[in-house]
Protein backbone atom coordinates (compact mmCIF):
# COMPACT_ATOMS: atom_id res chain seq x y z
CA UNK A 1 78.05 40.12 35.08
CA UNK A 2 75.32 37.73 34.31
CA UNK A 3 72.00 37.47 35.89
CA UNK A 4 71.21 34.24 37.57
CA UNK A 5 67.70 34.51 36.25
CA UNK A 6 66.44 34.04 32.73
CA UNK A 7 67.30 31.25 30.23
CA UNK A 8 70.84 29.52 30.46
CA UNK A 9 73.50 30.15 27.86
CA UNK A 10 73.19 27.67 24.79
CA UNK A 11 76.82 26.78 24.36
CA UNK A 12 77.45 24.62 27.50
CA UNK A 13 74.31 22.57 26.74
CA UNK A 14 75.12 21.83 23.31
CA UNK A 15 77.37 18.75 23.84
CA UNK A 16 74.44 17.16 25.87
CA UNK A 17 71.84 17.77 23.37
CA UNK A 18 74.04 16.27 20.49
CA UNK A 19 74.61 13.24 22.96
CA UNK A 20 70.84 12.76 23.55
CA UNK A 21 70.12 13.12 19.74
CA UNK A 22 72.89 10.47 19.14
CA UNK A 23 71.34 8.10 21.91
CA UNK A 24 67.95 8.54 20.40
CA UNK A 25 69.37 7.62 16.95
CA UNK A 26 71.33 4.87 18.36
CA UNK A 27 68.13 3.29 20.13
CA UNK A 28 66.18 3.82 16.86
CA UNK A 29 68.44 1.87 14.52
CA UNK A 30 70.32 -0.13 17.14
CA UNK A 31 69.07 -2.87 19.58
CA UNK A 32 65.76 -4.38 19.11
CA UNK A 33 63.33 -4.38 21.91
CA UNK A 34 60.04 -5.45 20.18
CA UNK A 35 60.85 -9.12 19.94
CA UNK A 36 63.63 -11.66 20.61
CA UNK A 37 66.03 -13.77 18.65
CA UNK A 38 66.87 -17.08 20.25
CA UNK A 39 69.53 -19.68 19.24
CA UNK A 40 68.83 -23.30 19.21
CA UNK A 41 69.20 -23.58 23.09
CA UNK A 42 66.71 -20.86 23.67
CA UNK A 43 69.33 -18.18 24.78
CA UNK A 44 68.63 -14.64 23.44
CA UNK A 45 71.08 -13.29 21.01
CA UNK A 46 72.13 -9.57 20.58
CA UNK A 47 71.07 -8.03 17.39
CA UNK A 48 70.14 -4.69 15.72
CA UNK A 49 67.66 -3.38 12.82
CA UNK A 50 69.04 -1.55 9.89
CA UNK A 51 65.94 0.85 9.94
CA UNK A 52 65.05 3.52 12.17
CA UNK A 53 61.67 2.18 13.37
CA UNK A 54 60.82 3.11 16.95
CA UNK A 55 61.91 1.07 19.86
CA UNK A 56 59.18 -1.68 20.43
CA UNK A 57 57.75 -1.43 16.77
CA UNK A 58 61.18 -2.83 15.12
CA UNK A 59 58.80 -5.70 13.78
CA UNK A 60 55.90 -3.99 12.72
CA UNK A 61 55.23 -3.87 8.88
CA UNK A 62 52.64 -2.19 6.96
CA UNK A 63 52.12 -0.09 3.85
CA UNK A 64 54.90 2.69 5.00
CA UNK A 65 57.19 0.02 6.58
CA UNK A 66 57.83 -2.60 4.10
CA UNK A 67 61.33 -3.66 4.58
CA UNK A 68 63.82 -4.18 7.58
CA UNK A 69 67.01 -6.16 8.10
CA UNK A 70 68.14 -7.55 11.48
CA UNK A 71 71.92 -8.41 12.07
CA UNK A 72 73.47 -10.34 14.82
CA UNK A 73 76.29 -8.65 16.85
CA UNK A 74 78.09 -12.21 16.57
CA UNK A 75 77.86 -14.50 13.56
CA UNK A 76 76.07 -17.64 14.21
CA UNK A 77 77.19 -20.98 13.24
CA UNK A 78 74.11 -23.11 12.34
CA UNK A 79 74.09 -26.70 14.00
CA UNK A 80 72.92 -29.66 11.98
CA UNK A 81 69.07 -30.23 11.86
CA UNK A 82 68.07 -26.55 12.08
CA UNK A 83 65.91 -23.99 10.57
CA UNK A 84 65.42 -20.47 11.04
CA UNK A 85 61.95 -19.79 12.22
CA UNK A 86 60.20 -16.51 12.09
CA UNK A 87 56.67 -16.02 14.10
CA UNK A 88 54.58 -13.68 12.56
CA UNK A 89 50.92 -12.51 13.11
CA UNK A 90 48.64 -10.47 10.78
CA UNK A 91 47.71 -7.05 11.41
CA UNK A 92 44.07 -6.10 11.70
CA UNK A 93 44.37 -2.61 9.96
CA UNK A 94 44.57 -3.72 6.53
CA UNK A 95 42.63 -6.04 4.48
CA UNK A 96 45.47 -6.98 2.06
CA UNK A 97 47.08 -10.30 2.51
CA UNK A 98 50.80 -9.85 3.36
CA UNK A 99 53.33 -11.73 1.34
CA UNK A 100 56.50 -11.99 3.36
CA UNK A 101 59.96 -12.47 1.83
CA UNK A 102 62.78 -13.66 4.12
CA UNK A 103 66.24 -13.74 2.99
CA UNK A 104 69.44 -14.99 4.96
CA UNK A 105 72.88 -13.75 4.66
CA UNK A 106 76.37 -14.31 6.14
CA UNK A 107 77.04 -10.38 5.89
CA UNK A 108 75.48 -7.56 8.05
CA UNK A 109 74.45 -5.71 4.94
CA UNK A 110 72.29 -8.52 3.54
CA UNK A 111 74.54 -9.25 0.63
CA UNK A 112 75.33 -12.82 -0.77
CA UNK A 113 72.08 -14.27 0.48
CA UNK A 114 72.47 -17.98 0.81
CA UNK A 115 68.64 -18.83 1.25
CA UNK A 116 65.57 -16.85 0.38
CA UNK A 117 61.68 -17.73 0.39
CA UNK A 118 58.39 -15.86 0.08
CA UNK A 119 55.33 -17.00 2.16
CA UNK A 120 51.73 -15.53 1.79
CA UNK A 121 50.39 -15.07 5.26
CA UNK A 122 47.31 -17.47 5.20
CA UNK A 123 46.65 -17.57 8.77
CA UNK A 124 46.29 -15.03 11.64
CA UNK A 125 49.57 -16.35 13.11
CA UNK A 126 52.31 -18.20 11.50
CA UNK A 127 55.77 -19.79 12.04
CA UNK A 128 57.70 -19.27 8.85
CA UNK A 129 60.46 -21.95 8.52
CA UNK A 130 63.50 -21.92 6.31
CA UNK A 131 65.61 -25.16 6.60
CA UNK A 132 69.46 -24.49 7.13
CA UNK A 133 72.44 -26.62 5.94
CA UNK A 134 74.57 -27.63 8.72
CA UNK A 135 77.63 -25.29 9.10
CA UNK A 136 75.89 -22.34 7.59
CA UNK A 137 77.12 -18.97 8.95
CA UNK A 138 74.17 -16.56 9.82
CA UNK A 139 74.66 -12.75 10.34
CA UNK A 140 71.41 -11.21 9.17
CA UNK A 141 67.77 -11.84 8.22
CA UNK A 142 66.07 -9.47 5.83
CA UNK A 143 62.41 -9.34 5.88
CA UNK A 144 60.09 -7.41 3.55
CA UNK A 145 56.47 -7.28 2.44
CA UNK A 146 56.05 -8.13 -1.29
CA UNK A 147 52.46 -7.76 -1.65
CA UNK A 148 50.16 -4.80 -1.54
CA UNK A 149 51.33 -3.49 1.83
CA UNK A 150 49.60 -5.92 4.04
CA UNK A 151 50.31 -5.48 7.68
CA UNK A 152 51.99 -7.97 9.99
CA UNK A 153 54.06 -8.10 13.18
CA UNK A 154 57.14 -10.16 13.96
CA UNK A 155 56.92 -12.03 17.32
CA UNK A 156 60.12 -13.74 17.45
CA UNK A 157 63.22 -15.07 15.32
CA UNK A 158 64.66 -18.47 16.36
CA UNK A 159 66.80 -21.30 15.40
CA UNK A 160 64.76 -24.20 15.98
CA UNK A 161 64.55 -27.92 14.74
CA UNK A 162 64.48 -28.61 11.03
CA UNK A 163 60.93 -28.60 9.68
CA UNK A 164 59.72 -29.15 6.02
CA UNK A 165 55.96 -28.86 5.22
CA UNK A 166 52.81 -27.46 6.68
CA UNK A 167 50.96 -27.98 9.88
CA UNK A 168 47.85 -26.01 11.35
CA UNK A 169 44.82 -24.10 10.12
CA UNK A 170 43.64 -20.56 9.44
CA UNK A 171 44.41 -19.36 12.94
CA UNK A 172 47.77 -20.95 13.52
CA UNK A 173 50.00 -22.27 10.90
CA UNK A 174 53.54 -23.56 10.62
CA UNK A 175 55.00 -23.74 7.10
CA UNK A 176 58.30 -23.94 5.64
CA UNK A 177 60.18 -22.99 2.35
CA UNK A 178 59.96 -25.76 -0.27
CA UNK A 179 56.29 -26.33 0.19
CA UNK A 180 53.77 -25.86 -2.39
CA UNK A 181 49.93 -26.39 -2.57
CA UNK A 182 48.05 -26.68 -5.94
CA UNK A 183 44.29 -27.15 -6.05
CA UNK A 184 42.46 -28.38 -9.08
CA UNK A 185 38.85 -29.41 -9.66
CA UNK A 186 38.02 -32.00 -7.04
CA UNK A 187 41.66 -32.31 -5.61
CA UNK A 188 44.26 -30.75 -3.82
CA UNK A 189 48.13 -31.55 -4.05
CA UNK A 190 50.66 -30.69 -1.35
CA UNK A 191 54.18 -31.00 -2.07
CA UNK A 192 57.54 -31.00 -0.22
CA UNK A 193 60.91 -30.41 -1.86
CA UNK A 194 63.71 -32.41 -0.31
CA UNK A 195 61.73 -33.40 2.66
CA UNK A 196 64.64 -35.13 4.52
CA UNK A 197 67.61 -33.05 3.38
CA UNK A 198 69.56 -31.76 6.38
CA UNK A 199 67.72 -34.03 8.98
CA UNK A 200 70.06 -36.05 11.15
CA UNK A 201 69.94 -39.84 11.58
CA UNK A 202 68.15 -41.42 14.21
CA UNK A 203 69.69 -39.97 17.55
CA UNK A 204 68.62 -41.26 20.83
CA UNK A 205 64.81 -41.08 20.87
CA UNK A 206 64.62 -38.68 17.93
CA UNK A 207 63.99 -40.13 14.51
CA UNK A 208 63.51 -38.38 11.18
CA UNK A 209 59.84 -39.09 9.45
CA UNK A 210 57.08 -37.74 7.51
CA UNK A 211 54.00 -37.10 9.45
CA UNK A 212 50.50 -37.22 7.84
CA UNK A 213 47.42 -35.81 9.67
CA UNK A 214 43.98 -35.34 8.37
CA UNK A 215 40.54 -34.86 9.60
CA UNK A 216 37.13 -36.94 9.62
CA UNK A 217 36.24 -38.19 6.36
CA UNK A 218 33.36 -36.03 4.88
CA UNK A 219 31.77 -39.33 3.34
CA UNK A 220 30.55 -42.43 5.21
CA UNK A 221 29.11 -45.82 4.75
CA UNK A 222 30.43 -47.73 1.64
CA UNK A 223 32.16 -44.60 0.08
CA UNK A 224 35.75 -44.50 0.76
CA UNK A 225 38.20 -41.60 0.53
CA UNK A 226 41.87 -42.15 -0.35
CA UNK A 227 44.97 -40.06 -0.28
CA UNK A 228 47.86 -40.51 -2.93
CA UNK A 229 51.14 -40.33 -1.84
CA UNK A 230 54.30 -40.12 -4.37
CA UNK A 231 57.93 -39.76 -3.31
CA UNK A 232 60.11 -38.93 -6.37
CA UNK A 233 63.93 -39.45 -6.54
CA UNK A 234 66.44 -37.42 -8.50
CA UNK A 235 66.87 -39.90 -11.19
CA UNK A 236 63.13 -39.76 -12.11
CA UNK A 237 62.22 -43.01 -10.37
CA UNK A 238 59.26 -42.90 -7.87
CA UNK A 239 57.46 -44.91 -4.95
CA UNK A 240 53.79 -44.52 -4.64
CA UNK A 241 51.32 -45.59 -1.96
CA UNK A 242 47.60 -45.28 -1.34
CA UNK A 243 46.34 -44.29 1.96
CA UNK A 244 42.68 -44.97 2.60
CA UNK A 245 41.15 -42.26 5.10
CA UNK A 246 39.93 -43.36 8.42
CA UNK A 247 36.43 -42.26 9.00
CA UNK A 248 37.47 -40.22 12.31
CA UNK A 249 40.65 -38.82 10.69
CA UNK A 250 44.13 -40.07 11.63
CA UNK A 251 47.68 -38.92 12.45
CA UNK A 252 50.31 -41.37 11.27
CA UNK A 253 54.08 -41.53 10.46
CA UNK A 254 56.20 -42.96 7.69
CA UNK A 255 59.89 -44.16 7.88
CA UNK A 256 62.01 -42.23 5.31
CA UNK A 257 63.27 -45.65 4.11
CA UNK A 258 59.73 -46.26 2.56
CA UNK A 259 60.02 -43.02 0.47
CA UNK A 260 63.41 -43.79 -0.95
CA UNK A 261 65.58 -42.57 1.97
CA UNK A 262 66.34 -39.18 0.39
CA UNK A 263 63.65 -38.25 -2.21
CA UNK A 264 63.92 -35.18 -4.29
CA UNK A 265 60.16 -34.55 -3.44
CA UNK A 266 57.03 -36.02 -1.83
CA UNK A 267 53.49 -35.14 -2.79
CA UNK A 268 50.30 -35.86 -1.25
CA UNK A 269 47.04 -35.81 -3.29
CA UNK A 270 43.91 -35.53 -1.51
CA UNK A 271 40.05 -34.60 -2.43
CA UNK A 272 39.23 -30.93 -1.71
CA UNK A 273 36.81 -31.77 0.84
CA UNK A 274 39.23 -33.73 3.10
CA UNK A 275 40.95 -31.47 5.76
CA UNK A 276 44.65 -31.87 5.97
CA UNK A 277 45.79 -30.84 9.37
CA UNK A 278 49.63 -31.73 8.77
CA UNK A 279 52.09 -32.85 6.18
CA UNK A 280 55.85 -32.44 7.13
CA UNK A 281 59.00 -34.13 7.55
CA UNK A 282 60.96 -33.47 10.78
CA UNK A 283 62.75 -34.86 13.57
CA UNK A 284 59.90 -36.82 15.70
CA UNK A 285 59.77 -38.21 19.09
CA UNK A 286 59.66 -41.77 19.79
CA UNK A 287 56.08 -41.52 20.67
CA UNK A 288 55.34 -39.69 17.27
CA UNK A 289 57.34 -42.34 15.36
CA UNK A 290 55.88 -45.32 16.78
CA UNK A 291 52.40 -44.21 15.75
CA UNK A 292 51.80 -46.15 12.57
CA UNK A 293 49.17 -47.58 10.17
CA UNK A 294 49.42 -51.33 10.06
CA UNK A 295 50.52 -51.13 6.30
CA UNK A 296 53.72 -49.59 7.63
CA UNK A 297 54.25 -52.53 9.86
CA UNK A 298 54.10 -54.85 7.00
CA UNK A 299 56.19 -52.57 4.99
CA UNK A 300 58.98 -51.50 7.25
CA UNK A 301 62.34 -53.13 7.41
CA UNK A 302 62.82 -56.35 9.86
CA UNK A 303 63.80 -55.20 13.48
CA UNK A 304 67.41 -55.18 14.48
CA UNK A 305 66.54 -56.36 17.90
CA UNK A 306 64.01 -58.78 19.13
CA UNK A 307 61.12 -56.52 17.95
CA UNK A 308 59.79 -53.43 16.65
CA UNK A 309 57.36 -51.68 18.65
CA UNK A 310 54.38 -49.66 16.99
CA UNK A 311 51.18 -47.85 18.45
CA UNK A 312 48.27 -48.54 15.68
CA UNK A 313 47.09 -45.04 14.60
CA UNK A 314 43.53 -46.34 14.40
CA UNK A 315 43.85 -47.28 18.16
CA UNK A 316 46.79 -45.49 19.60
CA UNK A 317 46.55 -47.38 22.93
CA UNK A 318 46.95 -50.81 21.01
CA UNK A 319 50.50 -51.95 20.97
CA UNK A 320 51.74 -53.93 18.04
CA UNK A 321 54.89 -55.85 18.20
CA UNK A 322 56.61 -57.26 15.17
CA UNK A 323 58.96 -59.93 16.39
CA UNK A 324 62.11 -60.83 14.30
CA UNK A 325 61.19 -64.71 14.42
CA UNK A 326 58.73 -67.07 16.17
CA UNK A 327 61.63 -68.04 18.74
CA UNK A 328 61.79 -64.39 19.80
CA UNK A 329 57.96 -64.08 20.12
CA UNK A 330 57.97 -67.38 22.03
CA UNK A 331 60.51 -65.93 24.79
CA UNK A 332 58.24 -63.12 25.51
CA UNK A 333 54.60 -64.51 24.95
CA UNK A 334 54.57 -68.20 24.92
CA UNK A 335 53.90 -68.80 28.61
CA UNK A 336 51.31 -65.87 28.41
CA UNK A 337 49.61 -67.61 25.57
CA UNK A 338 48.96 -70.75 27.61
CA UNK A 339 47.99 -68.75 30.74
CA UNK A 340 45.24 -66.69 28.85
CA UNK A 341 43.80 -69.19 26.30
CA UNK A 342 45.15 -72.62 26.14
CA UNK A 343 42.65 -75.38 27.26
CA UNK A 344 44.07 -77.10 30.26
CA UNK A 345 46.26 -74.39 31.14
CA UNK A 346 44.16 -71.19 31.44
CA UNK A 347 44.80 -69.37 34.83
CA UNK A 348 48.04 -71.19 35.70
CA UNK A 349 51.71 -70.47 34.97
CA UNK A 350 53.27 -73.41 33.15
CA UNK A 351 56.89 -74.05 33.55
CA UNK A 352 59.19 -74.09 30.73
CA UNK A 353 59.72 -77.82 30.25
CA UNK A 354 56.14 -78.30 30.36
CA UNK A 355 55.31 -76.17 27.38
CA UNK A 356 58.61 -76.45 25.43
CA UNK A 357 57.32 -79.24 23.19
CA UNK A 358 54.05 -77.71 22.70
CA UNK A 359 53.00 -75.06 19.90
CA UNK A 360 52.38 -71.61 21.23
CA UNK A 361 50.84 -69.22 18.55
CA UNK A 362 52.19 -67.54 15.38
CA UNK A 363 50.47 -64.27 16.42
CA UNK A 364 49.31 -62.94 19.81
CA UNK A 365 46.59 -60.75 21.09
CA UNK A 366 45.94 -59.83 24.77
CA UNK A 367 43.66 -57.50 26.69
CA UNK A 368 45.20 -55.43 29.60
CA UNK A 369 43.13 -57.32 32.27
CA UNK A 370 44.61 -60.69 31.23
CA UNK A 371 48.23 -59.20 31.21
CA UNK A 372 47.98 -57.74 34.61
CA UNK A 373 46.52 -61.07 35.75
CA UNK A 374 49.63 -63.14 34.53
CA UNK A 375 52.03 -60.85 36.08
CA UNK A 376 49.96 -60.61 39.47
CA UNK A 377 49.87 -64.42 39.56
CA UNK A 378 53.69 -64.61 38.96
CA UNK A 379 54.38 -62.24 41.89
CA UNK A 380 51.74 -64.08 44.08
CA UNK A 381 53.42 -67.41 43.47
CA UNK A 382 56.95 -66.11 43.40
CA UNK A 383 57.07 -67.76 40.00
CA UNK A 384 60.57 -67.24 37.83
CA UNK A 385 59.74 -65.28 34.84
CA UNK A 386 62.31 -65.05 32.35
CA UNK A 387 64.32 -61.88 31.52
CA UNK A 388 62.43 -61.33 28.24
CA UNK A 389 58.75 -61.64 30.33
CA UNK A 390 60.14 -59.11 33.00
CA UNK A 391 61.15 -56.80 30.00
CA UNK A 392 57.73 -57.18 28.70
CA UNK A 393 56.11 -56.19 32.10
CA UNK A 394 58.28 -53.06 32.17
CA UNK A 395 57.37 -52.12 28.82
CA UNK A 396 53.59 -52.58 29.34
CA UNK A 397 53.75 -50.35 32.42
CA UNK A 398 55.70 -47.72 30.77
CA UNK A 399 53.22 -47.67 27.89
CA UNK A 400 50.27 -47.65 30.30
CA UNK A 401 48.80 -51.02 29.03
CA UNK A 402 48.89 -52.16 32.66
CA UNK A 403 49.08 -49.91 35.76
CA UNK A 404 50.18 -50.46 39.26
CA UNK A 405 48.35 -49.55 42.30
CA UNK A 406 48.62 -50.61 45.94
CA UNK A 407 51.34 -53.11 44.97
CA UNK A 408 49.14 -54.89 42.25
CA UNK A 409 48.73 -54.62 38.59
CA UNK A 410 45.60 -53.69 37.03
CA UNK A 411 44.17 -53.00 33.75
CA UNK A 412 45.52 -49.96 32.11
CA UNK A 413 44.38 -48.85 28.59
CA UNK A 414 44.38 -50.53 25.29
CA UNK A 415 45.72 -54.10 24.35
CA UNK A 416 48.65 -55.68 22.62
CA UNK A 417 49.01 -57.78 19.49
CA UNK A 418 51.96 -59.40 17.69
CA UNK A 419 53.09 -61.11 14.62
CA UNK A 420 56.41 -62.30 13.46
CA UNK A 421 58.73 -61.87 10.46
CA UNK A 422 59.32 -65.54 10.22
CA UNK A 423 55.68 -65.76 8.65
CA UNK A 424 55.58 -65.19 4.95
CA UNK A 425 54.16 -61.80 3.53
CA UNK A 426 50.60 -63.39 2.77
CA UNK A 427 50.56 -65.09 6.30
CA UNK A 428 51.81 -61.84 7.97
CA UNK A 429 48.96 -59.83 6.68
CA UNK A 430 46.21 -62.23 7.38
CA UNK A 431 47.62 -62.76 10.78
CA UNK A 432 47.86 -59.01 11.20
CA UNK A 433 44.31 -58.35 10.17
CA UNK A 434 43.15 -61.27 12.59
CA UNK A 435 45.10 -59.79 15.65
CA UNK A 436 44.08 -56.24 14.91
CA UNK A 437 40.30 -57.04 15.00
CA UNK A 438 41.11 -58.67 18.41
CA UNK A 439 42.48 -55.30 19.46
CA UNK A 440 39.02 -53.52 18.42
CA UNK A 441 37.30 -56.30 20.28
CA UNK A 442 39.39 -55.52 23.46
CA UNK A 443 39.23 -51.77 23.14
CA UNK A 444 35.91 -50.90 21.88
CA UNK A 445 33.01 -51.78 24.42
CA UNK A 446 30.16 -51.26 21.64
CA UNK A 447 31.91 -53.43 19.09
CA UNK A 448 32.58 -56.12 21.77
CA UNK A 449 28.85 -56.25 22.81
CA UNK A 450 27.81 -56.42 19.02
CA UNK A 451 30.16 -59.41 18.38
CA UNK A 452 29.06 -61.21 21.63
CA UNK A 453 25.57 -60.87 20.76
CA UNK A 454 25.94 -62.11 17.32
CA UNK A 455 27.92 -65.12 18.71
CA UNK A 456 24.87 -65.67 21.18
CA UNK A 457 22.37 -65.42 18.28
CA UNK A 458 23.78 -68.43 16.60
CA UNK A 459 21.69 -71.74 17.18
CA UNK A 460 23.62 -74.81 18.80
CA UNK A 461 23.85 -76.28 15.31
CA UNK A 462 25.47 -73.35 13.92
CA UNK A 463 27.87 -73.07 16.72
CA UNK A 464 29.13 -76.84 16.51
CA UNK A 465 31.82 -76.30 13.82
CA UNK A 466 33.06 -73.24 15.69
CA UNK A 467 33.41 -75.34 18.98
CA UNK A 468 34.67 -78.17 17.23
CA UNK A 469 37.48 -76.26 15.28
CA UNK A 470 38.61 -74.06 18.08
CA UNK A 471 38.61 -76.89 20.41
CA UNK A 472 40.92 -78.79 17.97
CA UNK A 473 43.22 -75.60 17.97
CA UNK A 474 43.47 -76.00 21.61
CA UNK A 475 41.31 -72.86 22.57
CA UNK A 476 39.27 -73.01 25.87
CA UNK A 477 35.79 -73.40 24.34
CA UNK A 478 34.19 -73.09 27.61
CA UNK A 479 34.87 -69.27 27.72
CA UNK A 480 31.75 -67.41 25.88
CA UNK A 481 34.14 -64.39 25.61
CA UNK A 482 36.89 -66.20 24.06
CA UNK A 483 34.73 -67.94 21.54
CA UNK A 484 33.07 -64.48 20.39
CA UNK A 485 36.27 -62.92 20.22
CA UNK A 486 37.85 -65.94 17.99
CA UNK A 487 34.56 -66.02 15.82
CA UNK A 488 34.65 -62.29 14.81
CA UNK A 489 38.30 -62.47 14.24
CA UNK A 490 38.60 -65.57 11.83
CA UNK A 491 35.48 -64.22 10.17
CA UNK A 492 37.03 -60.76 9.55
CA UNK A 493 40.51 -61.99 8.53
CA UNK A 494 39.71 -62.51 4.73
CA UNK A 495 37.23 -60.69 2.44
CA UNK A 496 33.59 -61.61 2.89
CA UNK A 497 33.47 -63.09 -0.54
CA UNK A 498 36.24 -65.63 0.43
CA UNK A 499 34.71 -66.48 3.76
CA UNK A 500 32.67 -69.62 2.63
CA UNK A 501 35.64 -71.22 0.82
CA UNK A 502 38.06 -70.52 3.60
CA UNK A 503 36.09 -72.31 6.06
CA UNK A 504 34.73 -75.04 3.89
CA UNK A 505 37.88 -75.80 1.81
CA UNK A 506 40.93 -75.05 4.36
CA UNK A 507 39.59 -75.03 7.85
CA UNK A 508 37.35 -78.18 7.62
CA UNK A 509 40.17 -80.32 6.25
CA UNK A 510 42.50 -79.31 9.10
CA UNK A 511 39.82 -80.52 11.60
CA UNK A 512 39.25 -83.62 9.68
CA UNK A 513 42.98 -84.39 9.50
CA UNK A 514 42.83 -84.83 13.07
CA UNK A 515 39.42 -86.14 13.47
CA UNK A 516 38.40 -88.08 10.27
CA UNK A 517 35.55 -89.61 12.18
CA UNK A 518 33.70 -86.17 11.80
CA UNK A 519 33.53 -86.41 8.22
CA UNK A 520 29.88 -86.94 7.50
CA UNK A 521 28.92 -84.37 10.32
CA UNK A 522 31.26 -81.81 8.99
CA UNK A 523 29.75 -82.51 5.34
CA UNK A 524 26.25 -82.07 6.79
CA UNK A 525 27.19 -79.04 8.51
CA UNK A 526 28.58 -77.24 5.42
CA UNK A 527 25.53 -78.20 3.56
CA UNK A 528 23.43 -76.24 5.90
CA UNK A 529 25.47 -73.68 7.29
CA UNK A 530 28.24 -72.79 4.90
CA UNK A 531 26.35 -69.70 3.50
CA UNK A 532 26.62 -68.33 7.18
CA UNK A 533 30.18 -67.64 7.11
CA UNK A 534 29.91 -64.64 4.71
CA UNK A 535 26.49 -63.71 5.99
CA UNK A 536 28.02 -63.20 9.61
CA UNK A 537 31.17 -61.62 8.19
CA UNK A 538 29.06 -59.22 6.36
CA UNK A 539 27.26 -58.20 9.53
CA UNK A 540 30.60 -57.61 11.44
CA UNK A 541 32.12 -55.85 8.41
CA UNK A 542 29.31 -53.43 8.22
CA UNK A 543 29.45 -52.41 11.81
CA UNK A 544 33.21 -51.98 11.63
CA UNK A 545 33.31 -50.14 8.30
CA UNK A 546 30.88 -47.46 9.59
CA UNK A 547 32.95 -46.52 12.63
CA UNK A 548 36.53 -47.34 11.56
CA UNK A 549 36.59 -47.61 7.76
CA UNK A 550 37.71 -51.33 8.31
CA UNK A 551 36.69 -54.08 5.85
CA UNK A 552 36.99 -57.89 6.10
CA UNK A 553 40.47 -58.78 5.26
CA UNK A 554 41.74 -55.17 5.22
CA UNK A 555 42.55 -53.38 8.56
CA UNK A 556 45.67 -52.10 6.83
CA UNK A 557 45.14 -48.59 5.25
CA UNK A 558 48.49 -47.89 3.56
CA UNK A 559 49.49 -50.00 0.58
CA UNK A 560 52.16 -49.69 -2.03
CA UNK A 561 50.83 -49.08 -5.55
């Protein structure tokens, strides 16, 4: 008879010990607990590791742990416009820089890989993206350290939106396969292979685009910094652009159509001392895609509806409308033009039959205060605005240019300007430069004060031609604010060197055609004051160049080479 005291017999416990060991082994090489793997909708997926790394440390790599494979319980069919994104962070226990190899396979054993890329871990944290072809069947992701055993951790694996390029800094970086960076003496060149491959066409508010963001220019004054952009097609042809850097830095977007629709590569060349914050192709939100350099406004395709809408990247709160023709522009803005600026009409709402035979403007500019006043007056008088004008009001409210409070509209932020496709290319450029300086005048109190002070400094004799010409053009010359605004815009719409000839040879004849009796007075004025046109333009240009990089005749930063 066996005593109840002492150690129990080993035999009966053996199955339990074996089961416990099997369970421990299953946990070590089975389901992963150290990080999550999520699908495009953000749902967690079941997966396991191939190695026997301890639970909670399945994504910890180092000198002794250089390779692991993670396999899904169920294969995943990749939706269009997707990328595999592995979020990692650098370990502190090793001075070696990790080089991470990621391979994707349709098989659990990692064979027959259909995509593979290596990434040097250049930031403390990074999201490493591999764009995926629609319909790819993914089962496993193999990850290894190819360098000297540098330590890093996997924070997550996910299926996200397609991304090609780079974004971020030394602390947090997002980078894709197919991206390269080469530095030479004085310059750096960033390149993306097949930037738009796999990106879906425009759907709803999402559009494919190339985003470029850079930091403040390290140079100032008359020195300008330029970026070179080149898109190459598979047949060897290319499209090249120059992007002058804005002094404060910029974030702008290009339509794929400007780069040949589906280029084989796109490269950005810039000085080493200019910080690049982002250079990538992806599906962008409407608000991102609307952010544009004025050069893109001129280069984009004509709108399919009444207008295309942009936010000027130099002044993001300034809306830029590009109308398909003058008639469309008039439907939205003609009555507004008479209410805000036209002599004999300012401050009142003119009916269609009254202004139908009168000319509006080929291009427009409005500050938020005047826009709010126009719609408030219409509401107060129960004036029947057109469907286009009501649409404009709703758009301005949505964009924050005007704001509603207590049942009334007030000034919001920014301004709006417009041009039309019916103007020829040269005229479109001139009008866009002219209107964009109005946007700066409306948006920048310091520039507005400078321009108004410069206008006030002119003696009565020098102001005479301006008053005569703008009066002939039906501006309300009794408004000092309006006169200063038009004074600076007309001076800034062409290069300084062309200012004297522009006013003496083009504007003066326009005035004399209507008022031939002023011929002697105009001639005397030009003899005494003609040199003042370039002199005043130069003063304005110097101010704008220092702050915005804007030059007389050139507020466009993106140009085709």
